Every structure is written in structure tokens, then in C-alpha cells.
Protein backbone atom coordinates (compact mmCIF):
# COMPACT_ATOMS: atom_id res chain seq x y z
CA MET A 1 264.48 88.46 72.68
CA ALA A 2 266.63 91.41 73.76
CA VAL A 3 269.83 90.43 75.58
CA ARG A 4 273.11 91.93 76.68
CA ILE A 5 275.41 90.70 73.95
CA THR A 6 278.41 90.51 76.29
CA ASP A 7 277.14 87.80 78.64
CA GLU A 8 273.57 86.52 78.14
CA PRO A 9 274.29 84.44 74.99
CA PHE A 10 276.71 82.46 77.18
CA VAL A 11 273.83 81.41 79.45
CA ILE A 12 271.73 80.32 76.45
CA GLN A 13 274.61 78.34 74.95
CA GLN A 14 275.29 76.60 78.26
CA SER A 15 271.66 75.41 78.27
CA GLY A 16 272.32 73.60 74.98
CA ASN A 17 270.29 75.93 72.76
CA PRO A 18 271.66 77.44 69.55
CA VAL A 19 272.12 81.21 69.48
CA ARG A 20 271.49 83.49 66.52
CA VAL A 21 272.35 87.12 67.18
CA LEU A 22 270.64 89.94 65.29
CA HIS A 23 272.77 93.07 65.70
CA PRO A 24 270.91 96.45 65.73
CA ILE A 25 273.64 97.95 63.57
CA ASP A 26 272.60 95.61 60.74
CA SER A 27 269.31 97.54 60.66
CA GLY A 28 270.94 100.96 60.82
CA ILE A 29 270.70 101.42 64.65
CA ASP A 30 274.13 102.50 65.93
CA PHE A 31 273.58 104.02 69.38
CA TYR A 32 275.92 104.34 72.34
CA GLY A 33 275.12 102.01 75.21
CA ASP A 34 276.26 102.56 78.83
CA THR A 35 277.54 106.17 79.13
CA LEU A 36 278.80 108.24 82.10
CA PHE A 37 277.27 111.74 82.33
CA THR A 38 277.89 114.84 84.43
CA SER A 39 276.18 118.20 84.60
CA ARG A 40 277.51 121.17 82.67
CA ALA A 41 277.55 123.16 85.91
CA LEU A 42 279.90 120.67 87.59
CA TYR A 43 282.05 120.58 84.46
CA VAL A 44 282.37 124.41 84.54
CA GLN A 45 282.77 124.78 88.32
CA GLN A 46 285.19 121.91 89.03
CA PRO A 47 286.94 120.97 85.80
CA GLN A 48 289.97 119.47 87.58
CA MET A 49 287.79 116.99 89.47
CA VAL A 50 285.89 116.05 86.29
CA GLN A 51 289.16 115.54 84.40
CA ALA A 52 290.64 113.48 87.24
CA PHE A 53 287.55 111.28 87.28
CA VAL A 54 287.75 110.76 83.51
CA GLU A 55 291.45 109.89 83.63
CA ALA A 56 290.94 107.47 86.53
CA SER A 57 288.05 105.77 84.71
CA LEU A 58 290.05 105.44 81.49
CA GLN A 59 293.07 104.10 83.37
CA GLY A 60 290.88 101.53 85.10
CA TRP A 61 289.32 100.39 81.83
CA ARG A 62 292.73 100.08 80.15
CA TYR A 63 294.04 97.94 83.01
CA ALA A 64 290.92 95.76 83.05
CA LEU A 65 291.10 95.14 79.29
CA GLU A 66 294.79 94.26 79.47
CA HIS A 67 294.45 91.98 82.57
CA PRO A 68 291.10 90.14 82.24
CA GLU A 69 292.24 87.09 84.26
CA GLU A 70 293.25 89.29 87.23
CA ILE A 71 289.97 91.23 87.15
CA VAL A 72 287.94 87.98 87.04
CA ASP A 73 289.84 86.69 90.11
CA LEU A 74 289.15 90.00 91.87
CA LEU A 75 285.41 89.78 91.14
CA LEU A 76 285.20 86.19 92.35
CA ASN A 77 287.43 86.39 95.43
CA THR A 78 286.77 89.90 96.73
CA TYR A 79 283.29 90.85 95.56
CA GLY A 80 281.75 87.36 95.48
CA VAL A 81 280.13 87.75 92.08
CA ASN A 82 277.64 84.92 91.52
CA ARG A 83 278.96 83.81 88.11
CA SER A 84 281.37 81.15 86.90
CA ARG A 85 284.90 81.98 85.84
CA GLU A 86 284.10 80.89 82.25
CA HIS A 87 281.08 83.21 82.22
CA LEU A 88 283.15 86.21 83.37
CA LEU A 89 285.95 85.50 80.87
CA TYR A 90 283.32 85.24 78.11
CA GLU A 91 281.97 88.66 79.15
CA ALA A 92 285.47 90.16 79.26
CA GLN A 93 286.25 88.92 75.77
CA HIS A 94 283.02 90.31 74.27
CA ILE A 95 283.42 93.66 76.08
CA ARG A 96 286.86 94.01 74.50
CA THR A 97 285.35 93.18 71.10
CA LEU A 98 282.71 95.90 71.51
CA ILE A 99 285.16 98.54 72.75
CA SER A 100 287.82 97.66 70.12
CA PRO A 101 290.60 99.46 72.03
CA ASP A 102 293.14 98.64 69.31
CA LEU A 103 291.14 100.72 66.82
CA ILE A 104 289.36 103.37 68.89
CA GLY A 105 290.67 105.13 71.93
CA ILE A 106 288.96 104.21 75.19
CA GLY A 107 286.47 106.89 76.19
CA HIS A 108 286.26 108.41 72.71
CA SER A 109 282.92 110.14 72.14
CA ASN A 110 282.08 110.74 68.48
CA PRO A 111 280.03 113.96 67.94
CA VAL A 112 278.80 112.69 64.57
CA ARG A 113 277.39 109.59 66.22
CA TRP A 114 275.73 111.66 68.92
CA GLN A 115 274.20 113.87 66.22
CA MET A 116 272.78 110.77 64.48
CA ILE A 117 271.31 109.60 67.79
CA ALA A 118 269.79 113.04 68.40
CA ASP A 119 268.32 113.15 64.88
CA THR A 120 266.72 109.74 65.37
CA TYR A 121 265.04 110.77 68.65
CA ASP A 122 264.01 114.09 67.16
CA SER A 123 262.33 112.34 64.20
CA LEU A 124 260.32 110.31 66.73
CA ASN A 125 259.34 113.50 68.68
CA LEU A 126 261.13 112.21 71.77
CA LEU A 127 263.25 115.35 72.43
CA PRO A 128 261.83 118.27 74.48
CA GLY A 129 262.20 121.24 72.18
CA PRO A 130 265.25 122.37 70.22
CA PHE A 131 268.41 120.38 70.88
CA HIS A 132 271.94 121.72 70.53
CA LEU A 133 274.73 119.17 70.42
CA ASP A 134 277.36 121.78 71.47
CA ALA A 135 275.68 122.10 74.85
CA PHE A 136 275.57 118.32 75.26
CA VAL A 137 279.11 117.29 74.29
CA PRO A 138 281.80 119.47 75.93
CA PRO A 139 285.08 120.26 74.20
CA LYS A 140 287.89 117.85 74.96
CA MET A 141 290.22 118.78 77.75
CA ASP A 142 293.90 119.48 77.05
CA THR A 143 293.38 119.29 73.33
CA VAL A 144 296.62 119.29 71.37
CA ARG A 145 296.42 120.87 67.89
CA ILE A 146 297.63 118.56 65.13
CA PRO A 147 299.52 120.32 62.30
CA ASP A 148 297.76 120.37 58.89
CA TRP A 149 300.69 118.68 57.13
CA LEU A 150 300.55 115.81 59.61
CA LYS A 151 296.81 115.44 59.04
CA PHE A 152 297.41 115.33 55.26
CA VAL A 153 300.20 112.77 55.54
CA SER A 154 298.17 110.68 57.95
CA THR A 155 295.12 110.79 55.69
CA LEU A 156 297.18 109.91 52.62
CA THR A 157 298.89 107.09 54.47
CA LEU A 158 295.53 105.80 55.63
CA LEU A 159 294.14 105.88 52.08
CA VAL A 160 297.19 104.04 50.70
CA LEU A 161 296.91 101.51 53.49
CA CYS A 162 293.20 101.01 52.81
CA LEU A 163 293.86 100.59 49.11
CA PHE A 164 296.61 98.11 49.86
CA MET A 165 294.33 96.20 52.22
CA VAL A 166 291.57 96.12 49.60
CA MET A 167 294.03 94.74 47.04
CA ILE A 168 295.25 92.13 49.49
CA TYR A 169 291.66 91.19 50.32
CA ARG A 170 290.68 90.91 46.64
CA GLN A 171 293.75 88.81 45.91
CA HIS A 172 292.96 86.64 48.89
CA ARG A 173 289.40 86.18 47.71
CA LEU A 174 290.59 85.34 44.18
CA ASN A 175 293.03 82.80 45.57
CA GLN A 176 290.34 81.29 47.76
CA ASN A 177 287.89 81.12 44.86
CA LEU A 178 290.54 79.56 42.64
CA LYS A 179 291.41 77.00 45.30
CA THR A 180 287.71 76.22 45.77
CA GLU A 181 287.18 75.83 42.01
CA ILE A 182 290.24 73.59 41.69
CA ARG A 183 289.04 71.45 44.60
CA VAL A 184 285.52 71.21 43.16
CA ARG A 185 286.88 70.26 39.74
CA LYS A 186 289.18 67.63 41.25
CA ASP A 187 286.29 66.22 43.27
CA THR A 188 284.08 66.21 40.18
CA GLU A 189 286.77 64.54 38.08
CA SER A 190 287.33 61.95 40.80
CA ARG A 191 283.63 61.17 40.98
CA LEU A 192 283.31 61.02 37.19
CA ARG A 193 286.38 58.79 36.91
CA LEU A 194 285.00 56.53 39.63
CA ILE A 195 281.72 56.28 37.69
CA THR A 196 283.36 55.66 34.31
CA ASP A 197 285.83 53.16 35.79
CA SER A 198 282.99 51.12 37.30
CA MET A 199 280.67 51.25 34.27
CA HIS A 200 280.18 48.21 32.07
CA ASP A 201 279.97 50.47 29.01
CA VAL A 202 283.21 51.80 27.55
CA ILE A 203 283.54 55.61 27.79
CA TRP A 204 286.00 57.12 25.34
CA VAL A 205 287.22 60.38 23.77
CA MET A 206 288.81 60.84 20.32
CA ASP A 207 290.61 63.81 18.85
CA GLU A 208 290.20 65.31 15.38
CA ASN A 209 292.49 62.58 13.95
CA PHE A 210 290.21 59.85 15.32
CA LYS A 211 292.81 58.74 17.88
CA MET A 212 291.80 57.68 21.38
CA THR A 213 292.79 60.29 23.98
CA TYR A 214 290.83 58.66 26.82
CA VAL A 215 289.23 55.26 27.29
CA SER A 216 287.73 53.74 30.44
CA PRO A 217 289.15 50.51 31.93
CA SER A 218 286.06 48.55 30.83
CA VAL A 219 287.60 48.43 27.32
CA GLU A 220 289.63 45.43 28.49
CA ARG A 221 286.44 43.60 29.47
CA LEU A 222 284.93 44.30 26.04
CA THR A 223 287.89 43.83 23.67
CA GLY A 224 290.71 42.22 25.64
CA PHE A 225 292.93 45.25 24.97
CA GLU A 226 294.38 47.11 27.96
CA VAL A 227 293.95 50.87 28.17
CA ASP A 228 297.58 51.56 27.19
CA GLU A 229 297.17 49.42 24.07
CA VAL A 230 294.25 51.58 22.88
CA LEU A 231 295.34 55.11 23.84
CA ASN A 232 296.67 57.24 20.98
CA LYS A 233 295.67 54.52 18.51
CA PRO A 234 293.29 55.25 15.61
CA ILE A 235 289.83 53.70 15.78
CA SER A 236 290.55 51.98 12.45
CA ASP A 237 292.82 49.52 14.32
CA LEU A 238 289.80 48.14 16.16
CA ILE A 239 287.35 47.62 13.27
CA ASN A 240 287.31 45.52 10.14
CA ALA A 241 287.46 46.81 6.57
CA ASP A 242 283.68 46.77 5.98
CA THR A 243 283.01 48.68 9.19
CA ARG A 244 285.76 51.19 8.34
CA ARG A 245 284.10 51.94 5.01
CA GLN A 246 280.66 52.30 6.58
CA LEU A 247 281.89 54.59 9.39
CA ALA A 248 283.98 56.69 7.01
CA GLN A 249 280.98 57.19 4.74
CA ARG A 250 278.68 58.12 7.64
CA ILE A 251 281.21 60.53 9.19
CA GLN A 252 281.67 62.18 5.80
CA GLU A 253 277.89 62.67 5.57
CA ILE A 254 277.82 64.17 9.10
CA THR A 255 280.61 66.67 8.34
CA GLN A 256 278.96 67.66 5.05
CA ILE A 257 275.64 68.25 6.82
CA ASN A 258 277.40 70.35 9.46
CA GLU A 259 279.32 72.30 6.83
CA ALA A 260 276.03 73.09 5.12
CA GLY A 261 274.83 74.68 8.36
CA ARG A 262 272.08 72.16 9.11
CA THR A 263 273.53 71.30 12.55
CA GLY A 264 275.09 73.39 15.31
CA SER A 265 278.47 72.96 16.98
CA GLU A 266 277.35 69.57 18.33
CA CYS A 267 275.84 66.50 16.71
CA ASP A 268 274.59 63.21 18.25
CA GLU A 269 274.65 59.91 16.39
CA LEU A 270 273.96 56.24 17.14
CA PHE A 271 276.07 53.57 15.41
CA GLU A 272 275.99 49.78 15.37
CA PHE A 273 279.06 48.05 14.00
CA GLU A 274 281.45 45.12 14.45
CA ILE A 275 284.83 45.50 16.17
CA GLN A 276 287.92 43.31 16.28
CA CYS A 277 288.94 41.99 19.71
CA LYS A 278 292.49 41.20 20.82
CA LEU A 279 292.25 37.46 20.28
CA GLY A 280 290.49 37.75 16.92
CA ARG A 281 286.95 37.51 18.27
CA GLN A 282 284.36 39.74 16.54
CA VAL A 283 281.95 41.68 18.76
CA TRP A 284 278.93 43.72 17.71
CA VAL A 285 278.67 47.02 19.60
CA GLU A 286 276.37 50.02 19.85
CA SER A 287 278.02 53.43 20.20
CA THR A 288 276.32 56.66 21.22
CA ILE A 289 278.57 59.38 19.80
CA LYS A 290 278.64 63.17 20.18
CA PHE A 291 280.62 65.17 17.61
CA PHE A 292 281.97 68.63 18.53
CA PHE A 293 282.87 70.96 15.67
CA SER A 294 285.44 73.78 15.93
CA ALA A 295 284.22 75.24 12.62
CA PRO A 296 281.65 74.24 9.97
CA GLY A 297 282.60 70.76 8.78
CA ILE A 298 285.71 70.58 11.04
CA ILE A 299 285.57 67.95 13.82
CA ALA A 300 287.37 69.01 17.02
CA THR A 301 286.54 66.23 19.50
CA ILE A 302 284.38 63.13 19.64
CA TYR A 303 282.90 61.73 22.86
CA GLY A 304 281.22 58.35 22.99
CA SER A 305 280.04 55.36 24.99
CA THR A 306 280.11 51.83 23.60
CA ARG A 307 278.35 48.70 24.79
CA ASP A 308 278.35 45.04 23.76
CA ILE A 309 275.20 44.10 21.80
CA THR A 310 276.44 40.79 20.38
CA ASP A 311 273.61 38.78 21.94
CA ARG A 312 271.02 41.34 20.84
CA HIS A 313 272.43 41.41 17.30
CA ARG A 314 272.40 37.63 17.12
CA GLN A 315 268.77 37.56 18.25
CA TYR A 316 267.97 40.21 15.63
CA ILE A 317 269.58 38.11 12.88
CA GLU A 318 267.73 35.02 14.08
CA LEU A 319 264.41 36.86 14.09
CA LYS A 320 265.19 38.34 10.69
CA ASN A 321 265.96 34.88 9.33
CA LEU A 322 262.81 33.46 10.87
CA ALA A 323 260.78 36.21 9.25
CA SER A 324 262.39 35.55 5.87
CA MET A 325 262.46 31.76 5.68
CA ASP A 326 260.00 28.95 5.30
CA PHE A 327 259.84 27.27 8.71
CA LEU A 328 259.40 23.76 7.23
CA THR A 329 262.18 23.62 4.65
CA GLY A 330 264.51 26.44 5.78
CA VAL A 331 264.57 28.18 2.37
CA LYS A 332 263.28 31.69 1.65
CA ASN A 333 259.54 32.17 2.06
CA ARG A 334 257.34 33.49 -0.73
CA ARG A 335 257.51 37.17 0.38
CA ILE A 336 261.30 37.30 0.63
CA PHE A 337 261.73 35.30 -2.61
CA PHE A 338 259.64 37.82 -4.58
CA GLU A 339 261.52 40.73 -2.94
CA LYS A 340 264.74 39.12 -4.16
CA LEU A 341 263.20 38.64 -7.62
CA GLN A 342 262.22 42.34 -7.64
CA TYR A 343 265.80 43.31 -6.74
CA GLU A 344 267.36 41.07 -9.42
CA THR A 345 265.01 42.27 -12.17
CA ALA A 346 265.93 45.88 -11.32
CA ARG A 347 269.61 44.94 -11.47
CA PHE A 348 269.00 43.18 -14.80
CA ARG A 349 267.41 46.32 -16.28
CA ARG A 350 270.24 48.50 -14.89
CA HIS A 351 273.22 46.38 -16.00
CA GLY A 352 271.78 44.08 -18.69
CA THR A 353 273.18 40.88 -17.14
CA PRO A 354 270.98 37.82 -17.87
CA LEU A 355 268.50 36.60 -15.28
CA SER A 356 266.57 33.30 -15.33
CA LEU A 357 263.88 31.77 -13.15
CA ILE A 358 262.98 28.10 -12.55
CA VAL A 359 259.63 27.10 -11.11
CA LEU A 360 259.20 23.42 -10.13
CA ASP A 361 256.31 21.46 -8.73
CA ILE A 362 256.66 18.01 -7.06
CA ASP A 363 254.59 15.49 -9.01
CA HIS A 364 251.66 13.74 -7.34
CA PHE A 365 252.51 15.23 -3.94
CA LYS A 366 248.90 15.00 -2.74
CA LYS A 367 249.02 11.22 -3.27
CA ILE A 368 252.19 11.02 -1.15
CA ASN A 369 250.44 12.89 1.67
CA ASP A 370 247.30 10.73 1.36
CA ARG A 371 249.25 7.44 1.30
CA TYR A 372 252.06 8.09 3.82
CA GLY A 373 250.71 10.95 5.94
CA HIS A 374 251.62 14.61 6.25
CA SER A 375 254.70 14.05 8.42
CA ILE A 376 256.23 11.91 5.64
CA GLY A 377 255.12 14.50 3.10
CA ASP A 378 256.90 17.24 5.09
CA GLU A 379 260.08 15.18 5.13
CA VAL A 380 259.80 14.69 1.35
CA LEU A 381 259.76 18.48 0.93
CA ARG A 382 262.83 18.86 3.14
CA GLN A 383 264.81 16.19 1.30
CA VAL A 384 263.89 17.54 -2.13
CA VAL A 385 265.13 20.99 -1.00
CA LYS A 386 268.38 19.38 0.14
CA LEU A 387 268.81 17.76 -3.29
CA LEU A 388 268.19 21.10 -5.02
CA GLU A 389 270.65 22.97 -2.75
CA ASP A 390 273.35 20.44 -3.55
CA GLU A 391 273.27 21.47 -7.22
CA ILE A 392 272.82 25.28 -7.19
CA ARG A 393 275.36 28.05 -6.61
CA GLU A 394 275.73 30.15 -3.46
CA MET A 395 274.56 33.21 -5.39
CA ASP A 396 271.33 31.47 -6.45
CA THR A 397 268.19 31.77 -4.34
CA ILE A 398 265.66 29.02 -3.68
CA GLY A 399 262.27 29.71 -2.15
CA ARG A 400 259.07 27.88 -1.32
CA LEU A 401 256.23 29.55 -3.24
CA GLY A 402 253.40 27.40 -1.87
CA GLY A 403 252.56 23.76 -0.96
CA GLU A 404 254.91 21.69 -3.14
CA GLU A 405 255.90 24.55 -5.48
CA PHE A 406 259.42 26.02 -5.38
CA GLY A 407 261.26 28.76 -7.28
CA ILE A 408 264.97 29.05 -8.09
CA LEU A 409 266.35 32.48 -9.00
CA LEU A 410 269.49 32.40 -11.18
CA PRO A 411 271.35 35.75 -11.53
CA ASP A 412 273.86 36.10 -14.41
CA THR A 413 272.37 33.01 -16.09
CA ALA A 414 270.99 32.80 -19.63
CA LEU A 415 268.09 30.57 -20.72
CA GLU A 416 270.22 27.73 -22.10
CA GLU A 417 272.26 27.48 -18.89
CA ALA A 418 269.09 27.60 -16.80
CA HIS A 419 267.50 24.87 -18.92
CA TYR A 420 270.58 22.69 -18.52
CA LEU A 421 270.53 23.21 -14.71
CA ALA A 422 266.82 22.34 -14.56
CA GLU A 423 267.48 19.04 -16.39
CA ARG A 424 270.28 18.22 -13.96
CA LEU A 425 268.05 19.02 -10.99
CA ARG A 426 265.23 16.89 -12.41
CA GLU A 427 267.58 13.93 -12.82
CA HIS A 428 269.04 14.41 -9.33
CA VAL A 429 265.59 14.43 -7.71
CA SER A 430 264.22 11.42 -9.60
CA GLU A 431 267.43 9.33 -9.67
CA TYR A 432 266.79 7.47 -6.42
CA PRO A 433 263.71 6.96 -4.25
CA LEU A 434 263.81 8.91 -0.99
CA GLU A 435 264.25 6.79 2.16
CA ILE A 436 262.09 8.10 4.95
CA SER A 437 261.48 6.11 8.16
CA GLY A 438 262.37 2.86 6.34
CA VAL A 439 260.02 3.61 3.45
CA TYR A 440 261.35 4.22 -0.09
CA ILE A 441 259.31 6.82 -1.93
CA PRO A 442 259.98 7.64 -5.60
CA VAL A 443 259.75 11.39 -6.26
CA THR A 444 259.75 13.39 -9.48
CA ALA A 445 259.18 17.05 -10.31
CA SER A 446 258.06 19.16 -13.27
CA PHE A 447 260.19 22.22 -14.18
CA GLY A 448 259.40 25.47 -15.98
CA VAL A 449 262.28 27.70 -17.13
CA VAL A 450 262.21 31.31 -18.39
CA GLN A 451 264.68 34.16 -18.95
CA CYS A 452 263.78 37.70 -17.96
CA GLU A 453 263.21 40.03 -20.91
CA PRO A 454 263.68 43.84 -21.05
CA LEU A 455 260.85 45.84 -19.43
CA GLU A 456 259.36 42.63 -18.03
CA THR A 457 257.70 42.83 -14.62
CA VAL A 458 258.07 40.46 -11.68
CA SER A 459 254.54 39.17 -12.10
CA SER A 460 254.97 38.45 -15.82
CA ILE A 461 258.26 36.55 -15.45
CA TYR A 462 256.76 34.44 -12.67
CA LYS A 463 253.60 33.85 -14.69
CA ARG A 464 255.65 32.63 -17.66
CA ALA A 465 257.68 30.26 -15.46
CA ASP A 466 254.50 28.95 -13.83
CA VAL A 467 252.91 28.39 -17.24
CA ALA A 468 256.04 26.51 -18.37
CA ALA A 469 255.88 24.27 -15.28
CA TYR A 470 252.20 23.60 -15.99
CA ALA A 471 253.16 22.67 -19.54
CA ALA A 472 255.69 20.18 -18.16
CA LYS A 473 252.95 18.55 -16.07
CA ALA A 474 250.67 18.43 -19.10
CA ALA A 475 253.46 16.72 -21.06
CA GLY A 476 253.50 13.79 -18.64
CA ARG A 477 255.40 15.23 -15.65
CA ASN A 478 259.07 14.63 -14.70
CA CYS A 479 260.27 16.89 -17.50
CA VAL A 480 261.47 20.43 -18.24
CA ARG A 481 259.73 23.02 -20.37
CA ARG A 482 260.91 26.56 -21.15
CA GLN A 483 258.87 29.48 -22.39
CA MET A 484 259.72 32.58 -24.42
CA PRO A 485 257.86 35.92 -24.14
CA ALA A 486 255.99 35.23 -27.44
CA MET A 487 254.27 32.24 -25.78
CA ILE A 488 252.43 34.44 -23.26
CA SER A 489 248.76 34.53 -24.16
């Protein structure tokens, strides 16, 4: 709604409502408001009276603007104005703001502004006929001519002053923007530090020499090391030799890939490795790492977060073992055993080191199950495996191939040595009856022994060992038979 800007907003504010002022000048409307007029005839006929009236009016306005408190008291005490003192002081303040006596002389009438007002009304066809501004705005009385040199100096001074003010304003704005940016960055850093300090994961930064330049306090919870014990220390101090080799190899691959132009200036990687804690405890961790490169193949900075995955890694190992072992006897199952046999035959062909295989079958095992029950039969299998494990090396692999059939893989072992081991195993199994639940059960086994030959496949070496074990059974059981490649039918 339209209001008098000098006093009516006060009434609205006092009612508790917010005020938003839309100034006409913002839309290009810059008209004079309240204006005193006289006729040209009076101005020509009695100029002294007109000038005296103007001077008296200007003197009154100057006094009122310089003594607002006194004028408010006069209005309240003498004229009985029906407004509060606060309301009148509000109006006085806003009148002074509109008049701006410190910038513009009181009573100044700008011909250019009047011409703009006239042009606006003329464009709206609101003026009766031709309009001449000279007839509307009289020349100023008692005009004093200002010398040209003074006008030039004044103008130049004003321009220099304006330029100086613009420079001061720009510098002020730059300072304010800089202060704001510094404050925002400090606030952001404080919030980020608060987040990183309260996180369970360890947040860290390394330089191009792989030394820690920042690490969050949670490192103490993970490793036992305090922050000061880790800062400026190389990552190699926190990992074992195997992990160092693995990380070094992977980082070398990453830098080579970046140098070849297959990644940009950043690269994300996920690592799982084992670290050394302060008191000697080993912890498995997962690290999400971002590499920043200053040039192709040149690492500038590394950011990362690390978390403890020891429990998850242990569960993974347990599941992996469960998937690779025979649940009854605890040795490798058939699938994993043949994968290991595949690996060792490839190594044999690559390096030429001897490789032998023993296949054994427990004699008359079905009769043991039929006579004593399957639970006793299961225990027989477990105890036979224990007897076999007592005699073989740590590098050897034993696996359950089916029912009562087992295989023993012997890397770096020739046929004669394998045959000798099979005889020792046979004697160890059959030497004493097995005691199970107070029952003594004699157990024997038949063994087949073969040595892997060049170009031989996994299936053929197993078939030869199985045939040799069958030959041992045919020879009366509880004996060892070996087979050469020429014996394969």
C-alpha cells in the first residue's frame, strides 16, 4: 500500500507487523514531493517579499533539522499534536534522511529533475499543450558567479575524492570478503576436525615420501600409538615386511599406470593389509586411499581412511578353510586337493623338481561301519588321518578323496623316497589297534605310489596312483605298490 515513508511505517511496526519498503526510485520514479509554489506575477511584482518568504522558510527548516527534540516538544506542548514523542522523533529522523542537508542545500531545486518530471507527464499526455521549463523554474535570486578555475578545481577535487572513495570501498569489500572466507574456512576446518576426531576410522594424509603429515586421534584406538608417535613417520614403520613388499609393488603399478596416461591427476584404491600395533599385536585393516599426482607418475599427496577388519578377516579365513577342508577329518577336500595337485604339476613342469603322489585306501572299512556303526567308522577316519599327519612334512598336503580314500601330495620328492614314506605310513597305521570308546579296532591300509612324469596330466597321475592302490588291495591288502608310466594300459 502507498504510505508516507517518514511516519506511517512507524505505525505499522508498532502494531507488530514487519515492514518492507519498495522505493519508487528503485523503479526509475524520482519525483519531487511536497513543494511550495508561487505565481510568476507575484514573483515579478514583489520579488523582495518572495525572497524574504524563501529565506524565512529555509531558516526555519535548518533550525528544525538541527533541533529535532525542541521542535517535537513545541508540537506536543503548544500545538497539541496527537502523536507520541517516539512517533514524532521517528518522523524527524526520516525527514532529515530524505532531505540530506549535509549533501544537498535545503531548498535546492534541480532543473534537470524538473525536466525529467515534465517529460514523464508529457509522455503520458498529462500536460496541457507545450511546456517550457524556463517559465516554470525562475532564476535564482542573488546568484553569485563562480569563477571557471574554481569550478575546474572543484570538479577535479571531486573526481579524485570519488576515485579515492571507490578505492577505499573496493579495499573494504576485499577485506570483508577475505575475512568472511577465512572465517568460513576456519569453521569448515573446525567441523571437519570435529568429525575426524570423533570417527572410529583413522583419517590420515601422507606426503610424497610416504610420511604421515596428519592422522586423526582414533589411530591410538586402532594401533596403540599416539598421534605424535605417528606424525612424520614413514608408513613402513607400521607394517610388516610382507605387507611392505605387497604395498610397494601395488604403488609401483599405480604410478606406472598413471605415467602411461591411463588415469587422471587422481586415483582411488582399496587395500587390505596387516599392520603392526604398539604392543606387537597384528591387526588387519582396510584402507580407502586416494592418490594425487603432481605430474604423470609423480605422487604429490595421499589421503586415506583406515578401519579395523580383523574380525571380518578372521571370519573370511574361517569360511575359506571351511570351503577347502573335509568337515569330518579336517584335511583338504577333494576339490582343493586336486587344485593343489594342478599347481604342483605346473611347478614340476616349470622347474623340473620331482613330485610324487600317494593314494591310500583303508582296508575293509565297510565291515568296520557294519560291525561298529558309522560313528565309530568316522572316528576311525579321524584317527587314521592323525597317524598320517604325524609322519608327513609341513609342505606335504593330505586330502580326503572320497569315503575311506585319501591322497598325499609330496613336492620335491622322488619315487624311492615316496615309496619309503608309504611303507612307514603303512606300518604306523597297522602297528597298533585303534582304541575307540573302549573298543580296540585293528586297521590297515593299501597304498599306491607314483612319481609325476613330464607332460603328464593331473588325471593321469591320479589314475596311475589309484591303479597302484588297487594293485595293493589285489595283492592281499596292507601293502604298498608303485607304478611307472609304462604300466598304464
